[in-house]
């Protein structure tokens, strides 16, 4: 009886070129993570039993602007808040996975969360100046963290922060005035100055211009582009034109999952994923 002939083609070993490509990709990934300011791996996040984020892995290099885009409720802001543990204030939340800033796991036991939030500052969607003077708003973090040695250094740091926030020329002659007397756009820049005063390394911005008029929005966007010379900036935005204007890289979230990360130019002209293209072209969302 003749032995049946197998119709299954033998598995070919990878060619030298393919092996080199795989090795190069692994090396590139390793180098990217090693060089990353922020490195996240396999992050799951839960509100009670409800899972809001699924296996998020992402690297953010130093001194760039990374934009998070996606429909409402897709997990962008939740993920942003995991980076400096702002979600810790919500009862019943749980994080699994790794978030590293300069190679240090921010969820490791014994982490100084106050120090973490000094290094990783936050600017919220709605400006939230304290009912204090303009000067005292900016000086607040410096005072409670005892970051200055005297009045002269405190004054210098407040001026530095207001200058970096492009607000000093507008307020230098009324520093004792109430912060609540400022316009909406000025209040948001004041909140940015307050974050900058403690000299963070990373700045998180959750839709910082969504409540502002077009002129104020333009000033915030110009400020973001200027600030990346000194800081790593991660911004959540629903405005895709804004993401295209200010960011170097863009991450697209969908239903709690990270669909794609790419250079902003590539993301908006030739994305890798059809789901990304459908969202950017307005087919849903």
Foldseek 3Di string as FASTA:
>chain_A
DDDDDDPDDDDDDDDPVVVVVVVVVVVVVVVQQLQFQKWWFQKWKDQAPRTQAGGDTDGFHALFEEEEEEDPSQCPVVVLCVQLVPCVVRPRMDMDTAIDGNHHGCPDPPRDSVVSCLQEPEQEQFQDFDQFFLLCSQLVVCVVVVVDDDDVVSVVLLLVLCVLLVRCVVPVVPRRDTLVPDDRLNSSSSSSSSSPSSPHAEYEYENSPPPDDPVSVVSNLVSLQVCSVRHYYYYYHHDLVSCLSRGQKYWYGGSNYTDDIDGSVCLQPPDPDVVSVCVNVPVDD
